[in-house]
Amino acid sequence: DQVWLPLPVGQITCSWCTVTILALAWDSERRQLHVAGKFNAIDGGNIPAGLAVYDQDSGHLVAHPGGGLSMNNITQDGVGTAAQFDQENGVLYVMGAFERLTSTNEECLGLAAYEIKTGSWTCLADPAHSVLPTGGGNMLLTPYGLLVAGKTTSGTTW
């Protein structure tokens, strides 16, 4: 008897937008659900935008340990549109409408990887092969690598 039920945890909100959860990625080893989308608060408390994590063992939804996503102007929130989790390597891949990673303030145009064990980000966006997420922009982790879909930027060589 499997039934779809909402998580009995904190409420995700947004100070400037309609909350939209756009991607979920499950880490079975740590029993954590990574949440990406358009939001910037949990239970009325501001968090770095676009990312959160639900820990099944504690039952809490909290700000993502890797921080959040922003635009070049760090006061403008970024949005996570896709997420994939590489269970073997403990890496969360995030795609979205963002230009910076809030934990490092590093410029990163829409595609990054977060290594769980080290707590560090790697920007994967390459200006020569960059894509911007679209309404249907997505990515897929395969044995051959990470495949991304979206709109190519004007400076790409695609």
Protein backbone atom coordinates (compact mmCIF):
# COMPACT_ATOMS: atom_id res chain seq x y z
CA ASP A 1 0.00 0.00 0.00
CA GLN A 2 2.19 2.80 -1.24
CA VAL A 3 0.60 6.21 -0.90
CA TRP A 4 1.94 9.60 -1.96
CA LEU A 5 2.06 11.89 1.08
CA PRO A 6 3.65 15.31 1.64
CA LEU A 7 6.72 15.45 3.86
CA PRO A 8 5.78 16.47 7.42
CA VAL A 9 8.54 19.09 7.58
CA GLY A 10 9.18 22.81 7.20
CA GLN A 11 7.36 25.06 4.79
CA ILE A 12 9.33 26.39 1.82
CA THR A 13 8.48 30.01 0.97
CA CYS A 14 9.74 32.86 -1.18
CA SER A 15 9.81 36.58 -0.45
CA TRP A 16 9.49 37.65 -4.11
CA CYS A 17 8.11 34.71 -6.07
CA THR A 18 5.70 31.82 -6.23
CA VAL A 19 7.50 28.81 -4.77
CA THR A 20 8.32 26.25 -7.43
CA ILE A 21 10.12 22.98 -6.72
CA LEU A 22 11.77 22.04 -10.00
CA ALA A 23 14.06 19.14 -9.13
CA LEU A 24 14.67 16.46 -6.51
CA ALA A 25 17.74 14.22 -6.15
CA TRP A 26 17.97 11.36 -3.63
CA ASP A 27 21.16 10.39 -1.77
CA SER A 28 20.43 6.87 -0.51
CA GLU A 29 23.66 6.56 1.50
CA ARG A 30 22.97 9.65 3.62
CA ARG A 31 19.17 9.33 3.31
CA GLN A 32 18.87 12.92 2.11
CA LEU A 33 16.63 14.48 -0.50
CA HIS A 34 18.21 17.45 -2.29
CA VAL A 35 15.61 20.02 -3.34
CA ALA A 36 16.14 22.60 -6.10
CA GLY A 37 13.84 25.33 -7.30
CA LYS A 38 12.63 28.87 -6.82
CA PHE A 39 12.54 29.70 -3.08
CA ASN A 40 14.55 31.55 -0.44
CA ALA A 41 13.10 30.65 2.98
CA ILE A 42 12.11 27.71 5.18
CA ASP A 43 9.60 28.26 7.98
CA GLY A 44 9.88 32.03 7.50
CA GLY A 45 13.67 32.08 7.96
CA ASN A 46 15.77 33.26 5.03
CA ILE A 47 18.13 30.73 3.47
CA PRO A 48 20.50 30.93 0.49
CA ALA A 49 18.20 30.68 -2.54
CA GLY A 50 17.43 27.73 -4.75
CA LEU A 51 18.67 24.73 -2.74
CA ALA A 52 17.58 22.87 0.39
CA VAL A 53 18.00 19.39 1.81
CA TYR A 54 15.59 17.09 3.64
CA ASP A 55 17.29 14.68 6.03
CA GLN A 56 15.13 11.59 6.46
CA ASP A 57 16.81 10.54 9.72
CA SER A 58 16.31 13.88 11.49
CA GLY A 59 13.04 14.66 9.72
CA HIS A 60 14.19 18.24 9.05
CA LEU A 61 14.20 20.35 5.91
CA VAL A 62 17.08 22.85 6.09
CA ALA A 63 19.23 25.17 4.02
CA HIS A 64 21.59 23.22 1.78
CA PRO A 65 25.05 22.73 3.34
CA GLY A 66 26.58 23.92 0.07
CA GLY A 67 24.78 27.25 0.24
CA GLY A 68 22.56 28.52 -2.52
CA LEU A 69 22.45 30.13 -5.93
CA SER A 70 22.47 33.80 -6.92
CA MET A 71 22.83 36.09 -9.89
CA ASN A 72 25.89 38.34 -10.46
CA ASN A 73 24.26 40.81 -8.10
CA ILE A 74 24.32 38.55 -5.04
CA THR A 75 21.14 40.15 -3.69
CA GLN A 76 19.22 38.57 -6.59
CA ASP A 77 18.24 34.94 -6.08
CA GLY A 78 19.18 32.18 -8.48
CA VAL A 79 16.96 29.21 -9.29
CA GLY A 80 17.86 25.50 -9.40
CA THR A 81 16.08 23.91 -12.37
CA ALA A 82 17.61 20.42 -12.48
CA ALA A 83 19.50 18.12 -10.10
CA GLN A 84 21.15 14.72 -10.39
CA PHE A 85 22.97 12.77 -7.69
CA ASP A 86 25.98 10.55 -8.44
CA GLN A 87 25.69 7.99 -5.67
CA GLU A 88 29.02 6.29 -6.44
CA ASN A 89 31.04 9.51 -6.10
CA GLY A 90 28.84 11.44 -3.67
CA VAL A 91 28.36 14.38 -6.04
CA LEU A 92 25.26 16.53 -6.52
CA TYR A 93 24.98 18.15 -9.96
CA VAL A 94 22.89 21.31 -10.16
CA MET A 95 21.76 23.20 -13.25
CA GLY A 96 19.79 26.42 -13.25
CA ALA A 97 19.33 30.11 -13.75
CA PHE A 98 22.22 31.32 -11.60
CA GLU A 99 25.53 33.14 -12.05
CA ARG A 100 27.17 32.65 -8.63
CA LEU A 101 27.46 30.06 -5.87
CA THR A 102 26.62 31.78 -2.58
CA SER A 103 28.97 29.80 -0.33
CA THR A 104 32.07 30.87 -2.30
CA ASN A 105 30.73 33.86 -4.27
CA GLU A 106 32.38 32.15 -7.25
CA GLU A 107 31.09 33.10 -10.68
CA CYS A 108 29.45 30.05 -12.21
CA LEU A 109 27.03 30.26 -15.10
CA GLY A 110 24.30 27.71 -14.49
CA LEU A 111 26.05 24.35 -14.02
CA ALA A 112 27.93 23.13 -10.94
CA ALA A 113 28.85 20.02 -8.94
CA TYR A 114 28.83 19.79 -5.13
CA GLU A 115 31.03 17.12 -3.54
CA ILE A 116 29.27 15.97 -0.38
CA LYS A 117 32.30 14.63 1.53
CA THR A 118 34.48 17.73 1.06
CA GLY A 119 31.66 20.28 1.01
CA SER A 120 33.16 21.92 -2.07
CA TRP A 121 31.72 23.18 -5.35
CA THR A 122 33.21 22.83 -8.83
CA CYS A 123 31.83 25.07 -11.55
CA LEU A 124 31.20 22.98 -14.68
CA ALA A 125 30.09 25.83 -16.93
CA ASP A 126 32.44 26.23 -19.89
CA PRO A 127 31.86 29.41 -21.90
CA ALA A 128 32.76 27.58 -25.14
CA HIS A 129 30.04 24.97 -24.57
CA SER A 130 27.56 26.70 -22.29
CA VAL A 131 23.81 26.14 -22.20
CA LEU A 132 21.16 28.07 -20.35
CA PRO A 133 18.25 26.21 -18.79
CA THR A 134 14.95 26.68 -20.56
CA GLY A 135 11.45 25.73 -19.52
CA GLY A 136 12.38 22.19 -20.49
CA GLY A 137 16.09 22.48 -19.63
CA ASN A 138 17.27 19.37 -17.89
CA MET A 139 20.19 17.03 -17.34
CA LEU A 140 20.75 13.32 -17.05
CA LEU A 141 23.57 11.44 -15.34
CA THR A 142 24.59 8.39 -17.39
CA PRO A 143 27.49 5.91 -17.28
CA TYR A 144 28.97 8.03 -20.12
CA GLY A 145 28.83 11.30 -18.21
CA LEU A 146 26.49 14.17 -17.46
CA LEU A 147 24.23 15.15 -20.34
CA VAL A 148 22.67 18.63 -20.27
CA ALA A 149 19.86 20.16 -22.30
CA GLY A 150 18.98 23.79 -22.76
CA LYS A 151 19.45 26.83 -24.96
CA THR A 152 22.97 27.49 -26.21
CA THR A 153 24.45 30.89 -25.45
CA SER A 154 25.58 33.28 -28.17
CA GLY A 155 29.28 32.66 -27.47
CA THR A 156 29.24 28.85 -27.65
CA THR A 157 30.90 26.78 -30.33
CA TRP A 158 28.02 24.28 -30.60
